[in-house]
Amino acid sequence: MSLLIKQVKSSNGADGKQRDTLRSLGLRRGDHIAICMENNEHYFPVCWAAQRAGLYYTAISTRL
């Protein structure tokens, strides 16, 4: 999962670029991912990319 977040965070710019990064990893509409990251400026772009890709996501606290 950390690889996924790093790839999505590094694909700043065009709206669809982050979505395309998720899809290029083999994720398809309706798939479910877990997001475990600190609440910072990168959190919402990752969530929005997942939504644009048609993914369901679950936020997991880093303080477990």
N, C-alpha and C. Protein backbone atom coordinates (compact mmCIF):
# COMPACT_ATOMS: atom_id res chain seq x y z
N MET A 1 0.82 -1.19 0.00
CA MET A 1 0.00 0.00 0.00
C MET A 1 0.86 1.25 0.00
N SER A 2 1.97 1.24 0.70
CA SER A 2 2.80 2.45 0.72
C SER A 2 3.31 2.77 -0.68
N LEU A 3 3.58 1.76 -1.47
CA LEU A 3 4.00 1.99 -2.85
C LEU A 3 2.90 2.72 -3.61
N LEU A 4 1.67 2.29 -3.42
CA LEU A 4 0.54 2.91 -4.09
C LEU A 4 0.43 4.38 -3.71
N ILE A 5 0.52 4.70 -2.44
CA ILE A 5 0.40 6.09 -2.01
C ILE A 5 1.54 6.93 -2.56
N LYS A 6 2.75 6.40 -2.55
CA LYS A 6 3.89 7.14 -3.10
C LYS A 6 3.68 7.43 -4.57
N GLN A 7 3.16 6.48 -5.31
CA GLN A 7 2.95 6.69 -6.74
C GLN A 7 1.85 7.72 -6.98
N VAL A 8 0.79 7.66 -6.19
CA VAL A 8 -0.31 8.61 -6.37
C VAL A 8 0.15 10.01 -5.98
N LYS A 9 0.91 10.13 -4.88
CA LYS A 9 1.38 11.44 -4.45
C LYS A 9 2.35 12.04 -5.46
N SER A 10 3.13 11.21 -6.11
CA SER A 10 4.12 11.73 -7.04
C SER A 10 3.51 12.13 -8.38
N SER A 11 2.26 11.77 -8.61
CA SER A 11 1.63 12.11 -9.89
C SER A 11 0.74 13.34 -9.73
N ASN A 12 1.34 14.43 -9.28
CA ASN A 12 0.62 15.70 -9.14
C ASN A 12 0.30 16.24 -10.52
N GLY A 13 -0.64 17.16 -10.55
CA GLY A 13 -0.89 17.82 -11.82
C GLY A 13 -2.29 17.58 -12.33
N ALA A 14 -2.39 17.02 -13.51
CA ALA A 14 -3.68 16.84 -14.17
C ALA A 14 -4.63 16.00 -13.32
N ASP A 15 -5.91 16.36 -13.38
CA ASP A 15 -6.91 15.69 -12.57
C ASP A 15 -6.93 14.19 -12.75
N GLY A 16 -6.86 13.73 -13.98
CA GLY A 16 -6.97 12.30 -14.24
C GLY A 16 -5.69 11.52 -14.07
N LYS A 17 -4.58 12.20 -13.83
CA LYS A 17 -3.30 11.51 -13.77
C LYS A 17 -3.23 10.57 -12.56
N GLN A 18 -3.70 11.02 -11.40
CA GLN A 18 -3.69 10.17 -10.21
C GLN A 18 -4.64 9.00 -10.40
N ARG A 19 -5.80 9.25 -10.97
CA ARG A 19 -6.76 8.18 -11.25
C ARG A 19 -6.13 7.15 -12.18
N ASP A 20 -5.43 7.61 -13.20
CA ASP A 20 -4.80 6.70 -14.14
C ASP A 20 -3.69 5.89 -13.47
N THR A 21 -3.01 6.49 -12.49
CA THR A 21 -1.98 5.76 -11.74
C THR A 21 -2.61 4.58 -11.01
N LEU A 22 -3.75 4.81 -10.37
CA LEU A 22 -4.44 3.72 -9.67
C LEU A 22 -4.87 2.63 -10.64
N ARG A 23 -5.41 3.03 -11.75
CA ARG A 23 -5.86 2.04 -12.74
C ARG A 23 -4.70 1.27 -13.35
N SER A 24 -3.56 1.93 -13.52
CA SER A 24 -2.41 1.24 -14.10
C SER A 24 -1.86 0.17 -13.16
N LEU A 25 -2.19 0.26 -11.89
CA LEU A 25 -1.77 -0.75 -10.92
C LEU A 25 -2.71 -1.95 -10.89
N GLY A 26 -3.69 -1.93 -11.77
CA GLY A 26 -4.61 -3.07 -11.86
C GLY A 26 -5.89 -2.90 -11.06
N LEU A 27 -6.08 -1.74 -10.44
CA LEU A 27 -7.31 -1.49 -9.68
C LEU A 27 -8.41 -1.09 -10.64
N ARG A 28 -9.58 -1.65 -10.44
CA ARG A 28 -10.72 -1.38 -11.32
C ARG A 28 -11.90 -0.86 -10.52
N ARG A 29 -12.84 -0.25 -11.21
CA ARG A 29 -14.06 0.28 -10.58
C ARG A 29 -14.69 -0.80 -9.70
N GLY A 30 -15.00 -0.41 -8.46
CA GLY A 30 -15.62 -1.34 -7.53
C GLY A 30 -14.63 -2.03 -6.60
N ASP A 31 -13.32 -1.94 -6.89
CA ASP A 31 -12.32 -2.51 -5.98
C ASP A 31 -12.27 -1.70 -4.70
N HIS A 32 -11.74 -2.31 -3.67
CA HIS A 32 -11.65 -1.66 -2.36
C HIS A 32 -10.18 -1.55 -1.95
N ILE A 33 -9.78 -0.37 -1.47
CA ILE A 33 -8.42 -0.18 -0.97
C ILE A 33 -8.48 0.38 0.44
N ALA A 34 -7.40 0.26 1.17
CA ALA A 34 -7.27 0.86 2.50
C ALA A 34 -6.21 1.95 2.41
N ILE A 35 -6.49 3.08 3.03
CA ILE A 35 -5.54 4.19 3.05
C ILE A 35 -5.09 4.38 4.49
N CYS A 36 -3.81 4.14 4.73
CA CYS A 36 -3.23 4.32 6.06
C CYS A 36 -2.11 5.34 5.93
N MET A 37 -2.46 6.57 6.23
CA MET A 37 -1.47 7.64 6.14
C MET A 37 -1.86 8.76 7.09
N GLU A 38 -0.88 9.58 7.42
CA GLU A 38 -1.15 10.69 8.31
C GLU A 38 -2.03 11.71 7.61
N ASN A 39 -2.75 12.47 8.40
CA ASN A 39 -3.63 13.50 7.87
C ASN A 39 -2.78 14.72 7.52
N ASN A 40 -2.43 14.82 6.24
CA ASN A 40 -1.64 15.95 5.76
C ASN A 40 -2.15 16.37 4.39
N GLU A 41 -1.41 17.22 3.71
CA GLU A 41 -1.88 17.76 2.44
C GLU A 41 -1.99 16.72 1.33
N HIS A 42 -1.46 15.52 1.54
CA HIS A 42 -1.52 14.48 0.51
C HIS A 42 -2.73 13.56 0.68
N TYR A 43 -3.40 13.65 1.82
CA TYR A 43 -4.49 12.71 2.11
C TYR A 43 -5.67 12.87 1.15
N PHE A 44 -6.19 14.08 1.02
CA PHE A 44 -7.38 14.26 0.18
C PHE A 44 -7.14 13.99 -1.29
N PRO A 45 -6.02 14.39 -1.87
CA PRO A 45 -5.80 14.02 -3.28
C PRO A 45 -5.80 12.50 -3.50
N VAL A 46 -5.29 11.74 -2.54
CA VAL A 46 -5.31 10.28 -2.67
C VAL A 46 -6.77 9.79 -2.62
N CYS A 47 -7.55 10.34 -1.68
CA CYS A 47 -8.97 9.95 -1.59
C CYS A 47 -9.73 10.33 -2.85
N TRP A 48 -9.50 11.54 -3.34
CA TRP A 48 -10.20 11.99 -4.55
C TRP A 48 -9.81 11.16 -5.76
N ALA A 49 -8.55 10.78 -5.85
CA ALA A 49 -8.13 9.94 -6.97
C ALA A 49 -8.84 8.59 -6.91
N ALA A 50 -8.97 8.05 -5.70
CA ALA A 50 -9.68 6.77 -5.55
C ALA A 50 -11.14 6.92 -5.97
N GLN A 51 -11.76 8.01 -5.56
CA GLN A 51 -13.16 8.23 -5.95
C GLN A 51 -13.30 8.38 -7.45
N ARG A 52 -12.40 9.13 -8.08
CA ARG A 52 -12.47 9.31 -9.54
C ARG A 52 -12.23 8.00 -10.28
N ALA A 53 -11.47 7.10 -9.67
CA ALA A 53 -11.21 5.80 -10.29
C ALA A 53 -12.34 4.81 -10.02
N GLY A 54 -13.34 5.22 -9.23
CA GLY A 54 -14.46 4.34 -8.93
C GLY A 54 -14.16 3.33 -7.84
N LEU A 55 -13.16 3.62 -7.01
CA LEU A 55 -12.77 2.69 -5.95
C LEU A 55 -13.48 3.03 -4.64
N TYR A 56 -13.66 2.02 -3.83
CA TYR A 56 -14.11 2.22 -2.46
C TYR A 56 -12.85 2.26 -1.60
N TYR A 57 -12.82 3.16 -0.63
CA TYR A 57 -11.63 3.20 0.22
C TYR A 57 -12.03 3.27 1.69
N THR A 58 -11.17 2.73 2.51
CA THR A 58 -11.34 2.77 3.96
C THR A 58 -10.12 3.47 4.54
N ALA A 59 -10.36 4.48 5.35
CA ALA A 59 -9.27 5.19 6.02
C ALA A 59 -8.91 4.44 7.30
N ILE A 60 -7.62 4.19 7.46
CA ILE A 60 -7.13 3.48 8.66
C ILE A 60 -6.22 4.44 9.42
N SER A 61 -6.45 4.56 10.72
CA SER A 61 -5.67 5.46 11.56
C SER A 61 -4.22 5.00 11.66
N THR A 62 -3.32 5.97 11.67
CA THR A 62 -1.91 5.65 11.86
C THR A 62 -1.58 5.52 13.34
N ARG A 63 -2.54 5.75 14.21
CA ARG A 63 -2.31 5.69 15.65
C ARG A 63 -2.82 4.41 16.28
N LEU A 64 -2.92 3.35 15.52
CA LEU A 64 -3.39 2.07 16.05
C LEU A 64 -2.33 1.40 16.88
